[in-house]
């Protein structure tokens, strides 16, 4: 549900809300928040709430530490795991300097700019996400043990799949918040799970992705478990992917999906440091359905981009290289810009590679370009990318590209 500022203040009064969390994230997508009392809400909407940003990664130092949070009324959500009496709600925020200028490292604002750029080109993007995570047992001190919650495999059922009730609780919690998952199942790894979401507009999809991370970790901890979204939690087991499904519509009704796909393939190496920002990200590539080569095919999960068997409004492309350590706002923004590039330049789509790349002959693989296989290589490509320099502020590029 979308709220106006007046409706938010009315909701807070009528629903006995005692704390309002103003949420944002650092440049790497780690969520932060500050809580305010209801009487501070009018001030928050009119002037913003000041924070000391000097201790937040990528937000500067003590010399320019004052930033303001401006809550977005559209994003009001109750936090169902908090008390019913004296309720807690959350809103995502835009970050600005005291003079009102938008803070250049506010990744949510960067995505808003990308959406507006698409709109000016007559394009509307939609995103759906598939996020994987492991569940580990906690020790008596509440620390992760490295022992998986179960030993089940892909799409197994209870009692082997012990995560079934956890996923159910996660989905029901999300529904209470107005977020509707599409499906959930046990993944290939022991204790590994996946929950998928239907498509929505880019900003809502990114906000929901951020919310999802918080809900999963909260529900897991409430059940004596640790939810691990890292790219490669277990050395010889499948990694955690963040599969991003994308579609685009044009105001002139032109079919732009092939150009979208071509643009994503053309710019994916430039984008990789943002889609896979950690050293551990690159241990995932090339195994257990994680891509290694820059290729595409229909319905083929060994590829970088898969075109699922879907028609009509469900027609989309699925980018399989990102992992959950990425910042969804930045990832979605880059995909939009890559799509715009492909569509405006009518890039020709390379031929599909209709083979299983995990079992393909060496001569086939030798002709395929590869994703960067280390963080250092991804950073080097990004540093020299005119595409990134055109669309991202220098401060963001410096943070991601420097050792």
Protein backbone atom coordinates (compact mmCIF):
# COMPACT_ATOMS: atom_id res chain seq x y z
CA UNK A 1 0.00 0.00 0.00
CA UNK A 2 1.22 3.49 -0.86
CA UNK A 3 0.89 6.16 1.82
CA UNK A 4 0.99 9.95 1.79
CA UNK A 5 2.78 11.82 4.56
CA UNK A 6 -0.54 12.71 6.18
CA UNK A 7 -1.66 9.09 6.00
CA UNK A 8 1.56 7.95 7.66
CA UNK A 9 1.02 10.32 10.58
CA UNK A 10 -2.58 9.15 10.87
CA UNK A 11 -1.48 5.50 10.77
CA UNK A 12 1.11 6.11 13.49
CA UNK A 13 -1.52 7.65 15.74
CA UNK A 14 -4.28 5.09 15.13
CA UNK A 15 -2.07 1.98 15.27
CA UNK A 16 -0.27 2.84 18.53
CA UNK A 17 3.11 3.17 16.83
CA UNK A 18 5.80 4.17 19.32
CA UNK A 19 8.97 3.88 17.22
CA UNK A 20 9.65 4.78 13.60
CA UNK A 21 12.78 3.33 12.05
CA UNK A 22 14.33 5.46 9.33
CA UNK A 23 16.22 2.98 7.15
CA UNK A 24 18.99 3.41 4.59
CA UNK A 25 22.06 1.45 3.54
CA UNK A 26 25.77 2.03 3.14
CA UNK A 27 27.44 1.85 -0.26
CA UNK A 28 27.79 -1.95 0.04
CA UNK A 29 24.09 -2.44 0.73
CA UNK A 30 24.29 -3.07 4.47
CA UNK A 31 21.11 -1.74 6.02
CA UNK A 32 21.28 0.90 8.75
CA UNK A 33 18.60 2.75 10.67
CA UNK A 34 17.84 5.28 13.34
CA UNK A 35 14.64 5.20 15.44
CA UNK A 36 12.60 8.28 16.15
CA UNK A 37 9.54 8.84 18.31
CA UNK A 38 6.15 9.70 16.74
CA UNK A 39 6.30 13.34 17.77
CA UNK A 40 9.44 13.74 15.62
CA UNK A 41 7.71 12.55 12.46
CA UNK A 42 6.49 15.96 11.18
CA UNK A 43 10.05 17.30 11.53
CA UNK A 44 11.41 14.26 9.70
CA UNK A 45 9.08 14.84 6.76
CA UNK A 46 9.70 18.59 6.58
CA UNK A 47 13.39 18.94 7.37
CA UNK A 48 14.89 15.46 7.68
CA UNK A 49 16.63 13.81 10.63
CA UNK A 50 20.34 14.46 11.08
CA UNK A 51 22.83 11.60 11.39
CA UNK A 52 26.58 11.43 11.97
CA UNK A 53 27.72 9.66 8.80
CA UNK A 54 31.44 9.61 9.58
CA UNK A 55 31.37 6.05 10.95
CA UNK A 56 29.40 4.61 8.00
CA UNK A 57 31.50 2.93 5.34
CA UNK A 58 31.79 5.07 2.23
CA UNK A 59 30.00 8.06 3.73
CA UNK A 60 33.03 10.27 4.33
CA UNK A 61 34.96 11.32 7.41
CA UNK A 62 34.57 13.65 10.36
CA UNK A 63 35.12 16.77 8.25
CA UNK A 64 31.78 16.35 6.42
CA UNK A 65 29.81 14.11 8.74
CA UNK A 66 26.36 15.71 8.86
CA UNK A 67 23.75 14.14 6.60
CA UNK A 68 19.95 14.19 6.71
CA UNK A 69 17.48 11.31 6.32
CA UNK A 70 14.21 12.09 4.53
CA UNK A 71 11.64 9.29 4.96
CA UNK A 72 9.74 8.09 1.90
CA UNK A 73 6.10 7.79 2.99
CA UNK A 74 5.43 5.23 0.23
CA UNK A 75 7.66 2.70 1.99
CA UNK A 76 5.87 2.57 5.36
CA UNK A 77 5.85 -1.00 6.70
CA UNK A 78 5.09 -2.48 10.13
CA UNK A 79 7.70 -4.79 11.64
CA UNK A 80 5.57 -7.78 12.67
CA UNK A 81 8.18 -9.27 14.98
CA UNK A 82 8.02 -6.23 17.25
CA UNK A 83 5.30 -5.86 19.99
CA UNK A 84 1.68 -5.32 18.92
CA UNK A 85 1.31 -2.62 21.58
CA UNK A 86 3.82 0.12 21.07
CA UNK A 87 4.34 -0.99 17.48
CA UNK A 88 7.41 -0.36 15.33
CA UNK A 89 7.27 0.70 11.68
CA UNK A 90 9.95 1.33 9.09
CA UNK A 91 10.41 3.71 6.17
CA UNK A 92 13.28 3.88 3.68
CA UNK A 93 14.92 7.28 3.28
CA UNK A 94 16.59 9.58 0.82
CA UNK A 95 19.90 10.96 2.10
CA UNK A 96 20.88 14.60 1.58
CA UNK A 97 23.45 17.16 2.65
CA UNK A 98 22.24 19.94 4.99
CA UNK A 99 21.80 22.26 1.97
CA UNK A 100 19.29 19.83 0.45
CA UNK A 101 21.59 18.37 -2.21
CA UNK A 102 21.15 14.63 -2.60
CA UNK A 103 24.10 12.72 -1.14
CA UNK A 104 26.01 11.24 -4.07
CA UNK A 105 26.66 7.93 -2.26
CA UNK A 106 22.97 7.36 -1.59
CA UNK A 107 22.55 4.21 -3.68
CA UNK A 108 18.75 4.33 -3.48
CA UNK A 109 18.83 7.76 -5.12
CA UNK A 110 21.17 6.39 -7.79
CA UNK A 111 18.53 3.79 -8.67
CA UNK A 112 15.85 6.49 -8.76
CA UNK A 113 17.98 8.40 -11.28
CA UNK A 114 18.32 5.28 -13.44
CA UNK A 115 14.54 4.76 -13.40
CA UNK A 116 14.04 8.37 -14.50
CA UNK A 117 16.63 7.95 -17.27
CA UNK A 118 14.71 4.91 -18.53
CA UNK A 119 11.43 6.80 -18.35
CA UNK A 120 12.86 9.64 -20.44
CA UNK A 121 13.72 7.02 -23.09
CA UNK A 122 10.19 5.62 -23.04
CA UNK A 123 11.25 2.48 -21.18
CA UNK A 124 9.82 0.79 -18.11
CA UNK A 125 11.83 -1.93 -16.37
CA UNK A 126 10.56 -4.63 -14.01
CA UNK A 127 12.65 -6.74 -11.65
CA UNK A 128 12.08 -10.01 -9.82
CA UNK A 129 14.61 -11.60 -7.49
CA UNK A 130 15.66 -15.06 -6.40
CA UNK A 131 17.84 -15.04 -3.27
CA UNK A 132 19.59 -18.05 -1.76
CA UNK A 133 20.82 -18.51 1.81
CA UNK A 134 22.13 -21.20 4.15
CA UNK A 135 20.78 -21.95 7.62
CA UNK A 136 23.39 -22.86 10.26
CA UNK A 137 22.88 -23.93 13.86
CA UNK A 138 23.98 -21.60 16.66
CA UNK A 139 26.10 -22.60 19.63
CA UNK A 140 25.17 -21.97 23.27
CA UNK A 141 26.54 -18.42 22.97
CA UNK A 142 24.46 -17.59 19.91
CA UNK A 143 27.34 -17.81 17.44
CA UNK A 144 27.16 -19.67 14.09
CA UNK A 145 28.62 -23.17 14.28
CA UNK A 146 29.20 -23.96 10.60
CA UNK A 147 26.88 -26.94 11.10
CA UNK A 148 24.04 -26.84 8.57
CA UNK A 149 20.45 -27.06 9.78
CA UNK A 150 19.74 -30.10 7.61
CA UNK A 151 21.29 -32.39 4.99
CA UNK A 152 18.48 -32.13 2.43
CA UNK A 153 18.95 -31.54 -1.30
CA UNK A 154 17.21 -29.75 -4.14
CA UNK A 155 13.45 -29.41 -3.61
CA UNK A 156 13.43 -32.16 -0.95
CA UNK A 157 10.49 -32.24 1.44
CA UNK A 158 10.08 -32.69 5.20
CA UNK A 159 11.29 -34.37 7.30
CA UNK A 160 14.57 -34.20 5.34
CA UNK A 161 13.92 -30.54 4.60
CA UNK A 162 13.98 -29.00 8.07
CA UNK A 163 13.90 -25.48 6.63
CA UNK A 164 10.29 -25.85 5.46
CA UNK A 165 8.79 -24.23 8.57
CA UNK A 166 11.43 -21.50 8.58
CA UNK A 167 10.61 -20.57 4.97
CA UNK A 168 6.91 -20.65 5.83
CA UNK A 169 7.43 -18.25 8.72
CA UNK A 170 9.53 -15.97 6.52
CA UNK A 171 6.86 -15.88 3.80
CA UNK A 172 4.05 -15.21 6.27
CA UNK A 173 6.06 -12.42 7.91
CA UNK A 174 6.70 -10.83 4.52
CA UNK A 175 3.00 -11.02 3.67
CA UNK A 176 2.19 -9.18 6.89
CA UNK A 177 4.48 -6.44 5.60
CA UNK A 178 2.73 -6.29 2.23
CA UNK A 179 5.44 -8.21 0.36
CA UNK A 180 4.25 -11.29 -1.50
CA UNK A 181 6.76 -14.07 -2.26
CA UNK A 182 6.10 -16.15 -5.35
CA UNK A 183 7.65 -19.48 -4.31
CA UNK A 184 10.12 -21.10 -1.93
CA UNK A 185 12.06 -24.37 -1.82
CA UNK A 186 15.10 -26.17 -0.48
CA UNK A 187 18.14 -25.59 -2.66
CA UNK A 188 20.95 -27.98 -3.61
CA UNK A 189 23.26 -27.36 -0.67
CA UNK A 190 22.68 -28.84 2.81
CA UNK A 191 20.71 -26.27 4.79
CA UNK A 192 20.39 -24.07 1.68
CA UNK A 193 17.10 -22.35 0.83
CA UNK A 194 15.66 -20.07 -1.82
CA UNK A 195 12.68 -17.70 -1.86
CA UNK A 196 11.59 -16.03 -5.11
CA UNK A 197 9.61 -12.85 -5.75
CA UNK A 198 7.30 -11.82 -8.54
CA UNK A 199 8.33 -8.86 -10.66
CA UNK A 200 7.73 -5.27 -9.58
CA UNK A 201 9.10 -1.82 -10.35
CA UNK A 202 12.86 -1.42 -9.75
CA UNK A 203 12.68 0.65 -6.56
CA UNK A 204 10.07 -1.58 -4.91
CA UNK A 205 12.02 -4.69 -5.92
CA UNK A 206 15.23 -3.32 -4.41
CA UNK A 207 13.46 -2.18 -1.22
CA UNK A 208 11.86 -5.62 -0.93
CA UNK A 209 15.22 -7.29 -1.41
CA UNK A 210 16.65 -5.26 1.45
CA UNK A 211 13.63 -6.06 3.61
CA UNK A 212 13.93 -9.74 2.75
CA UNK A 213 17.50 -9.92 4.09
CA UNK A 214 16.37 -8.43 7.41
CA UNK A 215 13.32 -10.69 7.72
CA UNK A 216 15.26 -13.88 6.97
CA UNK A 217 17.97 -13.07 9.49
CA UNK A 218 15.39 -12.09 12.12
CA UNK A 219 13.23 -15.21 11.67
CA UNK A 220 16.30 -17.46 11.59
CA UNK A 221 17.69 -15.98 14.81
CA UNK A 222 14.29 -16.29 16.48
CA UNK A 223 14.48 -20.01 15.72
CA UNK A 224 18.01 -20.44 17.04
CA UNK A 225 19.62 -20.33 13.59
CA UNK A 226 21.98 -18.17 11.57
CA UNK A 227 21.05 -17.17 8.00
CA UNK A 228 24.15 -16.89 5.82
CA UNK A 229 23.81 -14.98 2.52
CA UNK A 230 27.54 -14.93 1.74
CA UNK A 231 28.57 -16.05 -1.76
CA UNK A 232 30.34 -19.26 -0.74
CA UNK A 233 29.60 -20.34 2.86
CA UNK A 234 30.87 -23.93 2.34
CA UNK A 235 33.94 -24.66 0.24
CA UNK A 236 32.75 -27.70 -1.70
CA UNK A 237 29.02 -26.91 -1.79
CA UNK A 238 26.87 -24.60 -3.96
CA UNK A 239 27.25 -20.88 -3.41
CA UNK A 240 24.46 -18.41 -2.76
CA UNK A 241 23.21 -16.65 -5.87
CA UNK A 242 21.14 -13.51 -6.24
CA UNK A 243 19.43 -14.21 -9.56
CA UNK A 244 17.92 -11.08 -11.06
CA UNK A 245 15.01 -11.38 -13.50
CA UNK A 246 14.53 -8.35 -15.75
CA UNK A 247 11.97 -7.28 -18.31
CA UNK A 248 11.43 -4.05 -20.22
CA UNK A 249 8.48 -2.44 -21.95
CA UNK A 250 8.65 0.38 -24.45
CA UNK A 251 6.01 3.09 -24.84
CA UNK A 252 5.99 2.43 -28.60
CA UNK A 253 5.27 -1.28 -27.97
CA UNK A 254 8.54 -2.32 -29.61
CA UNK A 255 9.94 -5.65 -28.47
CA UNK A 256 13.20 -4.62 -26.80
CA UNK A 257 14.05 -7.81 -24.91
CA UNK A 258 16.82 -8.94 -27.30
CA UNK A 259 18.46 -5.52 -27.09
CA UNK A 260 18.16 -5.60 -23.29
CA UNK A 261 19.91 -8.97 -23.24
CA UNK A 262 22.61 -7.78 -25.64
CA UNK A 263 23.25 -4.68 -23.54
CA UNK A 264 23.59 -6.70 -20.34
CA UNK A 265 26.06 -9.07 -22.00
CA UNK A 266 28.06 -6.18 -23.42
CA UNK A 267 28.42 -4.43 -20.05
CA UNK A 268 28.47 -7.35 -17.60
CA UNK A 269 32.26 -7.36 -17.14
CA UNK A 270 32.19 -3.64 -16.35
CA UNK A 271 29.42 -4.26 -13.80
CA UNK A 272 30.88 -7.36 -12.15
CA UNK A 273 32.66 -5.60 -9.28
CA UNK A 274 29.25 -4.26 -8.20
CA UNK A 275 27.42 -7.56 -8.74
CA UNK A 276 30.16 -9.54 -6.97
CA UNK A 277 31.98 -7.15 -4.62
CA UNK A 278 33.93 -9.58 -2.39
CA UNK A 279 36.91 -11.91 -2.74
CA UNK A 280 34.64 -14.83 -1.87
CA UNK A 281 32.26 -13.94 -4.71
CA UNK A 282 34.65 -15.37 -7.29
CA UNK A 283 34.93 -18.77 -5.64
CA UNK A 284 31.34 -19.37 -6.69
CA UNK A 285 31.83 -18.92 -10.44
CA UNK A 286 31.94 -21.89 -12.78
CA UNK A 287 30.31 -24.52 -10.60
CA UNK A 288 26.94 -25.56 -9.17
CA UNK A 289 24.89 -23.53 -11.67
CA UNK A 290 26.98 -20.38 -11.16
CA UNK A 291 28.24 -18.94 -14.48
CA UNK A 292 31.81 -18.49 -15.67
CA UNK A 293 31.35 -17.52 -19.31
CA UNK A 294 29.58 -14.57 -20.93
CA UNK A 295 26.86 -16.42 -22.82
CA UNK A 296 23.13 -16.90 -22.98
CA UNK A 297 20.59 -19.53 -23.87
CA UNK A 298 16.95 -20.43 -23.38
CA UNK A 299 16.21 -22.38 -20.21
CA UNK A 300 19.89 -23.26 -19.65
CA UNK A 301 21.15 -22.82 -16.09
CA UNK A 302 24.81 -23.18 -17.02
CA UNK A 303 24.71 -19.78 -18.74
CA UNK A 304 25.31 -16.24 -17.53
CA UNK A 305 21.87 -15.20 -18.79
CA UNK A 306 18.97 -17.60 -19.04
CA UNK A 307 15.78 -16.85 -20.94
CA UNK A 308 13.10 -18.74 -19.00
CA UNK A 309 10.24 -20.50 -20.74
CA UNK A 310 7.64 -17.78 -20.20
CA UNK A 311 5.27 -15.74 -22.33
CA UNK A 312 3.36 -12.48 -22.17
CA UNK A 313 3.89 -10.41 -19.04
CA UNK A 314 6.16 -13.10 -17.59
CA UNK A 315 8.69 -12.91 -20.44
CA UNK A 316 12.05 -11.96 -18.96
CA UNK A 317 15.79 -12.58 -18.85
CA UNK A 318 17.56 -13.93 -15.79
CA UNK A 319 21.05 -12.73 -14.86
CA UNK A 320 22.71 -15.48 -12.80
CA UNK A 321 26.10 -14.04 -11.85
CA UNK A 322 25.21 -11.65 -8.95
CA UNK A 323 25.37 -12.76 -5.34
CA UNK A 324 23.68 -11.46 -2.20
CA UNK A 325 26.70 -9.44 -1.07
CA UNK A 326 25.84 -6.93 -3.81
CA UNK A 327 23.92 -3.71 -3.22
CA UNK A 328 20.58 -4.28 -5.00
CA UNK A 329 20.08 -0.56 -5.67
CA UNK A 330 23.39 -0.28 -7.52
CA UNK A 331 22.97 -3.62 -9.28
CA UNK A 332 19.52 -2.72 -10.60
CA UNK A 333 20.69 0.75 -11.68
CA UNK A 334 23.53 -0.71 -13.72
CA UNK A 335 21.26 -3.29 -15.36
CA UNK A 336 18.88 -0.50 -16.36
CA UNK A 337 21.70 1.56 -17.87
CA UNK A 338 23.08 -1.50 -19.69
CA UNK A 339 19.59 -2.18 -21.03
CA UNK A 340 19.18 1.41 -22.21
CA UNK A 341 22.56 1.16 -23.94
CA UNK A 342 21.58 -2.03 -25.74
CA UNK A 343 18.19 -0.68 -26.78
CA UNK A 344 19.35 2.73 -27.95
CA UNK A 345 22.22 1.25 -29.96
CA UNK A 346 20.15 -1.72 -31.18
CA UNK A 347 23.00 -4.04 -30.25
CA UNK A 348 22.98 -7.34 -32.13
CA UNK A 349 22.41 -10.32 -29.89
CA UNK A 350 25.17 -12.95 -29.99
CA UNK A 351 24.14 -16.47 -30.93
CA UNK A 352 22.88 -18.60 -28.02
CA UNK A 353 25.17 -21.26 -26.60
CA UNK A 354 22.88 -24.26 -26.36
CA UNK A 355 25.20 -26.60 -24.48
CA UNK A 356 25.90 -27.49 -20.86
CA UNK A 357 28.95 -25.35 -20.18
CA UNK A 358 29.95 -27.51 -17.20
CA UNK A 359 30.40 -30.46 -19.57
CA UNK A 360 31.29 -28.72 -22.84
CA UNK A 361 34.36 -29.56 -24.93
CA UNK A 362 37.42 -27.37 -24.46
CA UNK A 363 37.25 -26.04 -28.04
CA UNK A 364 33.74 -24.66 -27.41
CA UNK A 365 34.78 -22.99 -24.18
CA UNK A 366 37.92 -21.51 -25.75
CA UNK A 367 35.80 -19.28 -27.98
CA UNK A 368 33.68 -17.85 -25.16
CA UNK A 369 34.57 -14.67 -23.25
CA UNK A 370 34.80 -15.12 -19.49
CA UNK A 371 33.65 -13.13 -16.51
CA UNK A 372 36.45 -11.64 -14.38
CA UNK A 373 37.62 -14.51 -12.18
CA UNK A 374 39.08 -12.44 -9.35
CA UNK A 375 38.10 -9.29 -7.52
CA UNK A 376 41.32 -7.63 -8.67
CA UNK A 377 40.44 -8.21 -12.33
CA UNK A 378 36.90 -6.97 -11.81
CA UNK A 379 38.21 -3.81 -10.17
CA UNK A 380 40.68 -3.17 -12.99
CA UNK A 381 37.95 -3.49 -15.64
CA UNK A 382 35.67 -1.17 -13.65
CA UNK A 383 38.39 1.44 -13.18
CA UNK A 384 38.77 1.70 -16.96
CA UNK A 385 35.05 1.61 -17.78
CA UNK A 386 33.66 4.68 -19.53
CA UNK A 387 30.20 3.14 -19.01
CA UNK A 388 30.59 3.23 -15.23
CA UNK A 389 32.14 6.70 -15.26
CA UNK A 390 29.15 7.98 -17.21
CA UNK A 391 26.55 6.70 -14.76
CA UNK A 392 28.13 6.47 -11.29
CA UNK A 393 29.73 9.22 -9.19
CA UNK A 394 33.48 9.06 -8.74
CA UNK A 395 33.18 8.48 -5.00
CA UNK A 396 31.24 5.23 -5.58
CA UNK A 397 33.74 4.05 -8.20
CA UNK A 398 36.68 4.83 -5.92
CA UNK A 399 35.18 2.85 -3.05
CA UNK A 400 34.52 -0.24 -5.16
CA UNK A 401 37.55 -0.13 -7.45
CA UNK A 402 40.38 0.64 -5.06
CA UNK A 403 42.12 -2.07 -3.07
